[in-house]
Amino acid sequence: MNHILHSTFHIVKLLPALLGLTLICACTSKEQPDEMTAGEAAEGYYLLLKSGHYAAFVEGMAGIDEFPEEYRRQLQQLVEQQMQTRWRKHGQWLSIDATDVQEQDSTASVMLSITYADNTSEQILLPMIFIDDEWYMQ
């Protein structure tokens, strides 16, 4: 019994050191689990298009907030018209996948592969930039 209490006492003494080591390891990991990659962000922007959220897609463009509201509205209409034309020709998108992502510092190039309902596919190279903890389209 004394031996068990003695072992427990040593474990309790080591507990703060183990906890500190765990915290150090957690704090020094390179990527936080909730941080979005450039590829995930690019897929997300194109999923906004698929869902008809054209204004949100336009807001994902780097520097768009510096343009007048009228310009953003016209850009939104242009994006909507382009998507409607493509979907009439090929059908809705079946899949959107980031097939290649090249990140360097605060920029990235994301290759998106899009498959339409008529089984045609399209490759889109989307340049991205990391600003204020978020990836934006360039």
C-alpha atoms as a PDB file:
ATOM      1  CA  MET A   1       0.000   0.000   0.000  1.00  0.00           C
ATOM      2  CA  ASN A   2       2.832   2.360   0.903  1.00  0.00           C
ATOM      3  CA  HIS A   3       4.488   1.581  -2.410  1.00  0.00           C
ATOM      4  CA  ILE A   4       1.322   2.603  -4.331  1.00  0.00           C
ATOM      5  CA  LEU A   5       1.040   5.890  -2.429  1.00  0.00           C
ATOM      6  CA  HIS A   6       4.716   6.596  -3.080  1.00  0.00           C
ATOM      7  CA  SER A   7       4.289   5.953  -6.855  1.00  0.00           C
ATOM      8  CA  THR A   8       1.147   8.107  -6.968  1.00  0.00           C
ATOM      9  CA  PHE A   9       3.020  10.926  -5.221  1.00  0.00           C
ATOM     10  CA  HIS A  10       5.750  10.852  -7.928  1.00  0.00           C
ATOM     11  CA  ILE A  11       3.142  10.883 -10.709  1.00  0.00           C
ATOM     12  CA  VAL A  12       1.395  13.866  -9.121  1.00  0.00           C
ATOM     13  CA  LYS A  13       4.762  15.672  -8.897  1.00  0.00           C
ATOM     14  CA  LEU A  14       5.407  15.019 -12.604  1.00  0.00           C
ATOM     15  CA  LEU A  15       1.908  16.051 -13.713  1.00  0.00           C
ATOM     16  CA  PRO A  16       2.647  19.826 -14.021  1.00  0.00           C
ATOM     17  CA  ALA A  17       5.755  19.107 -16.098  1.00  0.00           C
ATOM     18  CA  LEU A  18       3.830  16.769 -18.418  1.00  0.00           C
ATOM     19  CA  LEU A  19       1.028  19.304 -18.734  1.00  0.00           C
ATOM     20  CA  GLY A  20       3.538  22.051 -19.573  1.00  0.00           C
ATOM     21  CA  LEU A  21       5.190  19.849 -22.199  1.00  0.00           C
ATOM     22  CA  THR A  22       1.795  19.122 -23.749  1.00  0.00           C
ATOM     23  CA  LEU A  23       1.003  22.844 -23.928  1.00  0.00           C
ATOM     24  CA  ILE A  24       4.381  23.631 -25.505  1.00  0.00           C
ATOM     25  CA  CYS A  25       3.843  20.965 -28.175  1.00  0.00           C
ATOM     26  CA  ALA A  26       0.329  22.219 -28.888  1.00  0.00           C
ATOM     27  CA  CYS A  27       1.434  25.850 -29.150  1.00  0.00           C
ATOM     28  CA  THR A  28       4.336  25.151 -31.475  1.00  0.00           C
ATOM     29  CA  SER A  29       2.412  23.189 -34.099  1.00  0.00           C
ATOM     30  CA  LYS A  30       2.763  24.858 -37.500  1.00  0.00           C
ATOM     31  CA  GLU A  31      -0.878  24.806 -38.563  1.00  0.00           C
ATOM     32  CA  GLN A  32      -3.876  25.289 -36.341  1.00  0.00           C
ATOM     33  CA  PRO A  33      -6.639  22.765 -37.056  1.00  0.00           C
ATOM     34  CA  ASP A  34      -9.193  25.497 -37.800  1.00  0.00           C
ATOM     35  CA  GLU A  35      -6.929  27.346 -40.270  1.00  0.00           C
ATOM     36  CA  MET A  36      -8.193  27.009 -43.831  1.00  0.00           C
ATOM     37  CA  THR A  37      -5.774  26.122 -46.620  1.00  0.00           C
ATOM     38  CA  ALA A  38      -5.709  27.968 -49.945  1.00  0.00           C
ATOM     39  CA  GLY A  39      -7.205  24.910 -51.660  1.00  0.00           C
ATOM     40  CA  GLU A  40     -10.081  24.695 -49.186  1.00  0.00           C
ATOM     41  CA  ALA A  41     -10.755  28.422 -49.556  1.00  0.00           C
ATOM     42  CA  ALA A  42     -10.773  28.181 -53.368  1.00  0.00           C
ATOM     43  CA  GLU A  43     -13.204  25.248 -53.265  1.00  0.00           C
ATOM     44  CA  GLY A  44     -15.343  27.213 -50.822  1.00  0.00           C
ATOM     45  CA  TYR A  45     -15.546  30.234 -53.110  1.00  0.00           C
ATOM     46  CA  TYR A  46     -16.648  28.057 -56.029  1.00  0.00           C
ATOM     47  CA  LEU A  47     -19.199  26.291 -53.831  1.00  0.00           C
ATOM     48  CA  LEU A  48     -20.643  29.763 -53.179  1.00  0.00           C
ATOM     49  CA  LEU A  49     -21.071  30.138 -56.947  1.00  0.00           C
ATOM     50  CA  LYS A  50     -22.728  26.736 -57.200  1.00  0.00           C
ATOM     51  CA  SER A  51     -25.177  27.755 -54.464  1.00  0.00           C
ATOM     52  CA  GLY A  52     -26.009  31.039 -56.211  1.00  0.00           C
ATOM     53  CA  HIS A  53     -24.289  33.236 -53.609  1.00  0.00           C
ATOM     54  CA  TYR A  54     -22.718  35.543 -56.188  1.00  0.00           C
ATOM     55  CA  ALA A  55     -22.310  38.533 -53.847  1.00  0.00           C
ATOM     56  CA  ALA A  56     -20.377  36.390 -51.347  1.00  0.00           C
ATOM     57  CA  PHE A  57     -18.173  35.102 -54.184  1.00  0.00           C
ATOM     58  CA  VAL A  58     -17.368  38.673 -55.271  1.00  0.00           C
ATOM     59  CA  GLU A  59     -16.594  39.630 -51.646  1.00  0.00           C
ATOM     60  CA  GLY A  60     -13.945  36.890 -51.697  1.00  0.00           C
ATOM     61  CA  MET A  61     -11.903  38.899 -54.214  1.00  0.00           C
ATOM     62  CA  ALA A  62      -8.858  40.648 -52.749  1.00  0.00           C
ATOM     63  CA  GLY A  63      -9.319  44.418 -52.519  1.00  0.00           C
ATOM     64  CA  ILE A  64     -12.967  44.383 -53.608  1.00  0.00           C
ATOM     65  CA  ASP A  65     -13.997  46.544 -50.648  1.00  0.00           C
ATOM     66  CA  GLU A  66     -12.019  49.428 -52.179  1.00  0.00           C
ATOM     67  CA  PHE A  67     -14.364  49.589 -55.186  1.00  0.00           C
ATOM     68  CA  PRO A  68     -17.695  51.434 -55.262  1.00  0.00           C
ATOM     69  CA  GLU A  69     -20.842  49.460 -54.461  1.00  0.00           C
ATOM     70  CA  GLU A  70     -22.134  49.934 -58.022  1.00  0.00           C
ATOM     71  CA  TYR A  71     -19.006  48.299 -59.457  1.00  0.00           C
ATOM     72  CA  ARG A  72     -19.358  45.333 -57.070  1.00  0.00           C
ATOM     73  CA  ARG A  73     -23.013  44.960 -58.046  1.00  0.00           C
ATOM     74  CA  GLN A  74     -22.122  44.950 -61.757  1.00  0.00           C
ATOM     75  CA  LEU A  75     -19.357  42.413 -61.155  1.00  0.00           C
ATOM     76  CA  GLN A  76     -21.820  40.220 -59.267  1.00  0.00           C
ATOM     77  CA  GLN A  77     -24.262  40.396 -62.199  1.00  0.00           C
ATOM     78  CA  LEU A  78     -21.490  39.546 -64.662  1.00  0.00           C
ATOM     79  CA  VAL A  79     -20.446  36.491 -62.603  1.00  0.00           C
ATOM     80  CA  GLU A  80     -24.078  35.359 -62.374  1.00  0.00           C
ATOM     81  CA  GLN A  81     -24.580  35.708 -66.146  1.00  0.00           C
ATOM     82  CA  GLN A  82     -21.399  33.775 -66.870  1.00  0.00           C
ATOM     83  CA  MET A  83     -22.408  30.942 -64.520  1.00  0.00           C
ATOM     84  CA  GLN A  84     -25.930  30.749 -65.948  1.00  0.00           C
ATOM     85  CA  THR A  85     -24.501  30.530 -69.484  1.00  0.00           C
ATOM     86  CA  ARG A  86     -22.103  27.737 -68.527  1.00  0.00           C
ATOM     87  CA  TRP A  87     -24.786  25.797 -66.656  1.00  0.00           C
ATOM     88  CA  ARG A  88     -27.241  26.060 -69.545  1.00  0.00           C
ATOM     89  CA  LYS A  89     -24.577  24.620 -71.834  1.00  0.00           C
ATOM     90  CA  HIS A  90     -23.152  21.887 -69.565  1.00  0.00           C
ATOM     91  CA  GLY A  91     -25.539  21.510 -66.619  1.00  0.00           C
ATOM     92  CA  GLN A  92     -24.811  22.160 -62.948  1.00  0.00           C
ATOM     93  CA  TRP A  93     -21.442  21.263 -61.405  1.00  0.00           C
ATOM     94  CA  LEU A  94     -21.139  17.733 -60.052  1.00  0.00           C
ATOM     95  CA  SER A  95     -17.817  18.260 -58.334  1.00  0.00           C
ATOM     96  CA  ILE A  96     -15.290  20.960 -57.493  1.00  0.00           C
ATOM     97  CA  ASP A  97     -11.857  19.753 -56.380  1.00  0.00           C
ATOM     98  CA  ALA A  98      -8.559  21.484 -55.703  1.00  0.00           C
ATOM     99  CA  THR A  99      -6.242  19.112 -57.564  1.00  0.00           C
ATOM    100  CA  ASP A 100      -2.984  21.034 -57.151  1.00  0.00           C
ATOM    101  CA  VAL A 101      -2.052  23.726 -54.641  1.00  0.00           C
ATOM    102  CA  GLN A 102       1.257  25.587 -54.701  1.00  0.00           C
ATOM    103  CA  GLU A 103       1.645  27.867 -51.655  1.00  0.00           C
ATOM    104  CA  GLN A 104       4.545  30.264 -51.185  1.00  0.00           C
ATOM    105  CA  ASP A 105       4.578  32.751 -48.325  1.00  0.00           C
ATOM    106  CA  SER A 106       1.267  34.650 -48.531  1.00  0.00           C
ATOM    107  CA  THR A 107       0.331  33.628 -52.083  1.00  0.00           C
ATOM    108  CA  ALA A 108      -0.878  30.435 -53.687  1.00  0.00           C
ATOM    109  CA  SER A 109      -1.902  28.998 -57.042  1.00  0.00           C
ATOM    110  CA  VAL A 110      -4.810  26.592 -56.847  1.00  0.00           C
ATOM    111  CA  MET A 111      -5.791  24.329 -59.729  1.00  0.00           C
ATOM    112  CA  LEU A 112      -9.504  23.589 -59.523  1.00  0.00           C
ATOM    113  CA  SER A 113     -11.022  20.719 -61.454  1.00  0.00           C
ATOM    114  CA  ILE A 114     -14.737  21.171 -62.111  1.00  0.00           C
ATOM    115  CA  THR A 115     -16.948  18.438 -63.529  1.00  0.00           C
ATOM    116  CA  TYR A 116     -20.314  19.377 -65.063  1.00  0.00           C
ATOM    117  CA  ALA A 117     -23.508  17.312 -65.259  1.00  0.00           C
ATOM    118  CA  ASP A 118     -22.768  16.429 -68.918  1.00  0.00           C
ATOM    119  CA  ASN A 119     -19.426  14.945 -67.731  1.00  0.00           C
ATOM    120  CA  THR A 120     -17.324  17.661 -69.340  1.00  0.00           C
ATOM    121  CA  SER A 121     -14.629  19.033 -67.098  1.00  0.00           C
ATOM    122  CA  GLU A 122     -12.821  22.311 -66.756  1.00  0.00           C
ATOM    123  CA  GLN A 123      -9.513  23.257 -65.149  1.00  0.00           C
ATOM    124  CA  ILE A 124      -9.263  26.686 -63.528  1.00  0.00           C
ATOM    125  CA  LEU A 125      -6.023  28.164 -62.190  1.00  0.00           C
ATOM    126  CA  LEU A 126      -6.992  30.438 -59.328  1.00  0.00           C
ATOM    127  CA  PRO A 127      -4.346  32.751 -57.814  1.00  0.00           C
ATOM    128  CA  MET A 128      -4.921  33.351 -54.097  1.00  0.00           C
ATOM    129  CA  ILE A 129      -3.487  35.753 -51.515  1.00  0.00           C
ATOM    130  CA  PHE A 130      -3.461  35.460 -47.706  1.00  0.00           C
ATOM    131  CA  ILE A 131      -4.544  38.724 -46.040  1.00  0.00           C
ATOM    132  CA  ASP A 132      -5.553  39.201 -42.399  1.00  0.00           C
ATOM    133  CA  ASP A 133      -5.746  35.450 -41.686  1.00  0.00           C
ATOM    134  CA  GLU A 134      -7.919  34.665 -44.720  1.00  0.00           C
ATOM    135  CA  TRP A 135      -7.344  33.468 -48.280  1.00  0.00           C
ATOM    136  CA  TYR A 136      -8.789  35.720 -51.005  1.00  0.00           C
ATOM    137  CA  MET A 137      -8.972  35.319 -54.784  1.00  0.00           C
ATOM    138  CA  GLN A 138      -6.660  37.598 -56.772  1.00  0.00           C
END
